Amino acid sequence: MIQAWPETIDMLICRDGPMLPKLIVELSLQKFSSNVVDRLIQSANLPQILMIMQELERSVKLEKIMVSQYGNFVLQNVLD
């Protein structure tokens, strides 16, 4: 299923899209969903990666993301 994401990635992370921008932080903090966010980042183009970075950066939980094992994993991969 994850291989089909490049076709739907714009819908998943667009600002007017469903809920992924609101959930990206929460997904980044959990063991298995952080892997899903990582795969999303790997499939994303530059504007999409920038959107994910903005969501993480704006989060009031940024410090929690940085110290979380899984959140830090996501942050490192989005910055690569």
N, C-alpha and C. Protein backbone atom coordinates (compact mmCIF):
# COMPACT_ATOMS: atom_id res chain seq x y z
N MET A 1 0.82 -1.19 0.00
CA MET A 1 0.00 0.00 0.00
C MET A 1 0.86 1.26 0.00
N ILE A 2 1.96 1.21 0.72
CA ILE A 2 2.78 2.41 0.82
C ILE A 2 3.42 2.78 -0.51
N GLN A 3 3.59 1.80 -1.40
CA GLN A 3 4.14 2.09 -2.72
C GLN A 3 3.21 2.97 -3.55
N ALA A 4 1.94 2.98 -3.24
CA ALA A 4 0.98 3.79 -3.99
C ALA A 4 0.94 5.23 -3.51
N TRP A 5 1.69 5.55 -2.48
CA TRP A 5 1.63 6.89 -1.90
C TRP A 5 2.07 8.00 -2.81
N PRO A 6 3.06 7.82 -3.69
CA PRO A 6 3.44 8.96 -4.53
C PRO A 6 2.25 9.56 -5.28
N GLU A 7 1.27 8.76 -5.64
CA GLU A 7 0.11 9.27 -6.35
C GLU A 7 -0.83 10.05 -5.42
N THR A 8 -0.81 9.75 -4.14
CA THR A 8 -1.75 10.38 -3.22
C THR A 8 -1.09 11.33 -2.23
N ILE A 9 0.20 11.50 -2.33
CA ILE A 9 0.93 12.28 -1.32
C ILE A 9 0.46 13.73 -1.27
N ASP A 10 0.16 14.33 -2.42
CA ASP A 10 -0.32 15.72 -2.41
C ASP A 10 -1.61 15.83 -1.61
N MET A 11 -2.51 14.90 -1.80
CA MET A 11 -3.77 14.92 -1.07
C MET A 11 -3.53 14.74 0.43
N LEU A 12 -2.57 13.91 0.78
CA LEU A 12 -2.33 13.62 2.18
C LEU A 12 -1.76 14.80 2.95
N ILE A 13 -0.88 15.59 2.32
CA ILE A 13 -0.22 16.63 3.10
C ILE A 13 -0.61 18.04 2.70
N CYS A 14 -1.51 18.20 1.76
CA CYS A 14 -1.87 19.57 1.37
C CYS A 14 -2.63 20.25 2.51
N ARG A 15 -2.46 21.52 2.62
CA ARG A 15 -3.06 22.29 3.72
C ARG A 15 -4.57 22.15 3.76
N ASP A 16 -5.19 22.09 2.61
CA ASP A 16 -6.64 21.99 2.57
C ASP A 16 -7.10 20.53 2.58
N GLY A 17 -6.14 19.64 2.61
CA GLY A 17 -6.45 18.22 2.57
C GLY A 17 -6.96 17.73 3.91
N PRO A 18 -7.08 16.44 4.03
CA PRO A 18 -7.69 15.84 5.21
C PRO A 18 -7.01 16.20 6.53
N MET A 19 -6.37 15.28 7.17
CA MET A 19 -5.90 15.55 8.51
C MET A 19 -4.43 15.33 8.72
N LEU A 20 -3.69 14.90 7.74
CA LEU A 20 -2.30 14.59 7.97
C LEU A 20 -1.49 15.76 8.52
N PRO A 21 -1.66 16.98 8.01
CA PRO A 21 -0.87 18.07 8.63
C PRO A 21 -1.12 18.20 10.12
N LYS A 22 -2.32 17.95 10.55
CA LYS A 22 -2.64 18.06 11.97
C LYS A 22 -2.08 16.89 12.77
N LEU A 23 -1.91 15.76 12.11
CA LEU A 23 -1.46 14.55 12.80
C LEU A 23 0.02 14.25 12.64
N ILE A 24 0.71 14.98 11.78
CA ILE A 24 2.10 14.66 11.47
C ILE A 24 2.96 14.63 12.73
N VAL A 25 2.69 15.53 13.66
CA VAL A 25 3.46 15.57 14.91
C VAL A 25 3.17 14.32 15.74
N GLU A 26 1.90 14.02 15.90
CA GLU A 26 1.53 12.84 16.70
C GLU A 26 2.05 11.56 16.07
N LEU A 27 1.96 11.47 14.75
CA LEU A 27 2.47 10.29 14.06
C LEU A 27 3.98 10.16 14.22
N SER A 28 4.67 11.28 14.28
CA SER A 28 6.12 11.28 14.42
C SER A 28 6.58 10.79 15.78
N LEU A 29 5.73 10.85 16.77
CA LEU A 29 6.11 10.49 18.13
C LEU A 29 5.86 9.03 18.48
N GLN A 30 5.29 8.28 17.56
CA GLN A 30 4.95 6.89 17.85
C GLN A 30 5.83 5.94 17.04
N LYS A 31 6.10 4.78 17.62
CA LYS A 31 7.05 3.84 17.04
C LYS A 31 6.76 3.48 15.59
N PHE A 32 5.61 2.93 15.32
CA PHE A 32 5.34 2.44 13.97
C PHE A 32 4.92 3.56 13.02
N SER A 33 4.18 4.52 13.53
CA SER A 33 3.75 5.59 12.64
C SER A 33 4.90 6.52 12.27
N SER A 34 5.96 6.57 13.08
CA SER A 34 7.13 7.37 12.68
C SER A 34 7.78 6.76 11.44
N ASN A 35 7.70 5.44 11.30
CA ASN A 35 8.20 4.79 10.08
C ASN A 35 7.35 5.16 8.87
N VAL A 36 6.07 5.28 9.09
CA VAL A 36 5.17 5.69 8.00
C VAL A 36 5.49 7.12 7.58
N VAL A 37 5.71 8.00 8.55
CA VAL A 37 6.07 9.39 8.23
C VAL A 37 7.40 9.41 7.48
N ASP A 38 8.34 8.57 7.89
CA ASP A 38 9.63 8.50 7.20
C ASP A 38 9.44 8.07 5.75
N ARG A 39 8.61 7.07 5.50
CA ARG A 39 8.36 6.63 4.12
C ARG A 39 7.67 7.73 3.32
N LEU A 40 6.80 8.46 3.97
CA LEU A 40 6.14 9.59 3.33
C LEU A 40 7.17 10.63 2.91
N ILE A 41 8.12 10.91 3.79
CA ILE A 41 9.19 11.87 3.49
C ILE A 41 10.03 11.37 2.32
N GLN A 42 10.34 10.08 2.30
CA GLN A 42 11.14 9.52 1.22
C GLN A 42 10.43 9.62 -0.13
N SER A 43 9.11 9.57 -0.11
CA SER A 43 8.33 9.62 -1.35
C SER A 43 7.99 11.04 -1.78
N ALA A 44 8.22 12.00 -0.90
CA ALA A 44 7.78 13.38 -1.14
C ALA A 44 8.76 14.15 -2.03
N ASN A 45 8.23 15.14 -2.74
CA ASN A 45 9.08 16.05 -3.49
C ASN A 45 9.44 17.22 -2.57
N LEU A 46 10.26 18.13 -3.03
CA LEU A 46 10.76 19.21 -2.18
C LEU A 46 9.65 20.07 -1.56
N PRO A 47 8.66 20.54 -2.33
CA PRO A 47 7.59 21.34 -1.69
C PRO A 47 6.84 20.57 -0.61
N GLN A 48 6.66 19.28 -0.83
CA GLN A 48 5.96 18.46 0.16
C GLN A 48 6.81 18.29 1.42
N ILE A 49 8.11 18.10 1.24
CA ILE A 49 9.01 17.99 2.39
C ILE A 49 9.02 19.29 3.18
N LEU A 50 9.02 20.40 2.47
CA LEU A 50 8.99 21.70 3.15
C LEU A 50 7.71 21.86 3.96
N MET A 51 6.60 21.37 3.44
CA MET A 51 5.33 21.43 4.16
C MET A 51 5.41 20.60 5.45
N ILE A 52 6.00 19.41 5.37
CA ILE A 52 6.15 18.57 6.55
C ILE A 52 7.06 19.25 7.56
N MET A 53 8.16 19.83 7.08
CA MET A 53 9.08 20.54 7.97
C MET A 53 8.38 21.69 8.68
N GLN A 54 7.55 22.43 7.95
CA GLN A 54 6.82 23.55 8.56
C GLN A 54 5.88 23.06 9.65
N GLU A 55 5.21 21.96 9.40
CA GLU A 55 4.29 21.42 10.40
C GLU A 55 5.05 21.03 11.66
N LEU A 56 6.19 20.39 11.49
CA LEU A 56 6.98 19.99 12.65
C LEU A 56 7.54 21.21 13.37
N GLU A 57 7.99 22.19 12.61
CA GLU A 57 8.60 23.39 13.18
C GLU A 57 7.59 24.22 13.96
N ARG A 58 6.37 24.31 13.47
CA ARG A 58 5.33 25.12 14.10
C ARG A 58 4.73 24.48 15.34
N SER A 59 5.00 23.22 15.50
CA SER A 59 4.35 22.48 16.59
C SER A 59 4.78 22.99 17.95
N VAL A 60 3.81 23.06 18.85
CA VAL A 60 4.13 23.41 20.23
C VAL A 60 4.86 22.25 20.91
N LYS A 61 4.87 21.11 20.26
CA LYS A 61 5.54 19.92 20.79
C LYS A 61 6.94 19.73 20.19
N LEU A 62 7.51 20.76 19.60
CA LEU A 62 8.80 20.62 18.93
C LEU A 62 9.86 20.07 19.88
N GLU A 63 9.90 20.57 21.10
CA GLU A 63 10.90 20.07 22.05
C GLU A 63 10.66 18.59 22.35
N LYS A 64 9.40 18.21 22.47
CA LYS A 64 9.07 16.81 22.72
C LYS A 64 9.49 15.95 21.52
N ILE A 65 9.32 16.47 20.32
CA ILE A 65 9.73 15.75 19.11
C ILE A 65 11.25 15.55 19.12
N MET A 66 11.98 16.58 19.50
CA MET A 66 13.44 16.51 19.46
C MET A 66 14.00 15.49 20.46
N VAL A 67 13.36 15.35 21.62
CA VAL A 67 13.88 14.43 22.62
C VAL A 67 13.29 13.02 22.50
N SER A 68 12.24 12.90 21.74
CA SER A 68 11.63 11.58 21.52
C SER A 68 12.50 10.77 20.56
N GLN A 69 12.69 9.52 20.88
CA GLN A 69 13.47 8.63 20.02
C GLN A 69 12.88 8.59 18.60
N TYR A 70 11.58 8.50 18.51
CA TYR A 70 10.93 8.37 17.20
C TYR A 70 10.80 9.72 16.51
N GLY A 71 10.46 10.75 17.26
CA GLY A 71 10.35 12.09 16.69
C GLY A 71 11.69 12.58 16.17
N ASN A 72 12.75 12.30 16.92
CA ASN A 72 14.09 12.70 16.50
C ASN A 72 14.47 11.99 15.20
N PHE A 73 14.10 10.73 15.08
CA PHE A 73 14.32 9.96 13.86
C PHE A 73 13.67 10.65 12.67
N VAL A 74 12.43 11.10 12.84
CA VAL A 74 11.71 11.78 11.77
C VAL A 74 12.39 13.11 11.44
N LEU A 75 12.74 13.88 12.47
CA LEU A 75 13.41 15.17 12.24
C LEU A 75 14.72 15.00 11.49
N GLN A 76 15.51 14.02 11.87
CA GLN A 76 16.79 13.80 11.19
C GLN A 76 16.57 13.45 9.73
N ASN A 77 15.58 12.63 9.47
CA ASN A 77 15.33 12.22 8.08
C ASN A 77 14.73 13.34 7.23
N VAL A 78 13.92 14.17 7.82
CA VAL A 78 13.35 15.26 7.04
C VAL A 78 14.43 16.32 6.72
N LEU A 79 15.44 16.42 7.57
CA LEU A 79 16.51 17.39 7.35
C LEU A 79 17.59 16.86 6.39
N ASP A 80 17.62 15.57 6.16
CA ASP A 80 18.61 14.98 5.22
C ASP A 80 18.31 15.31 3.79
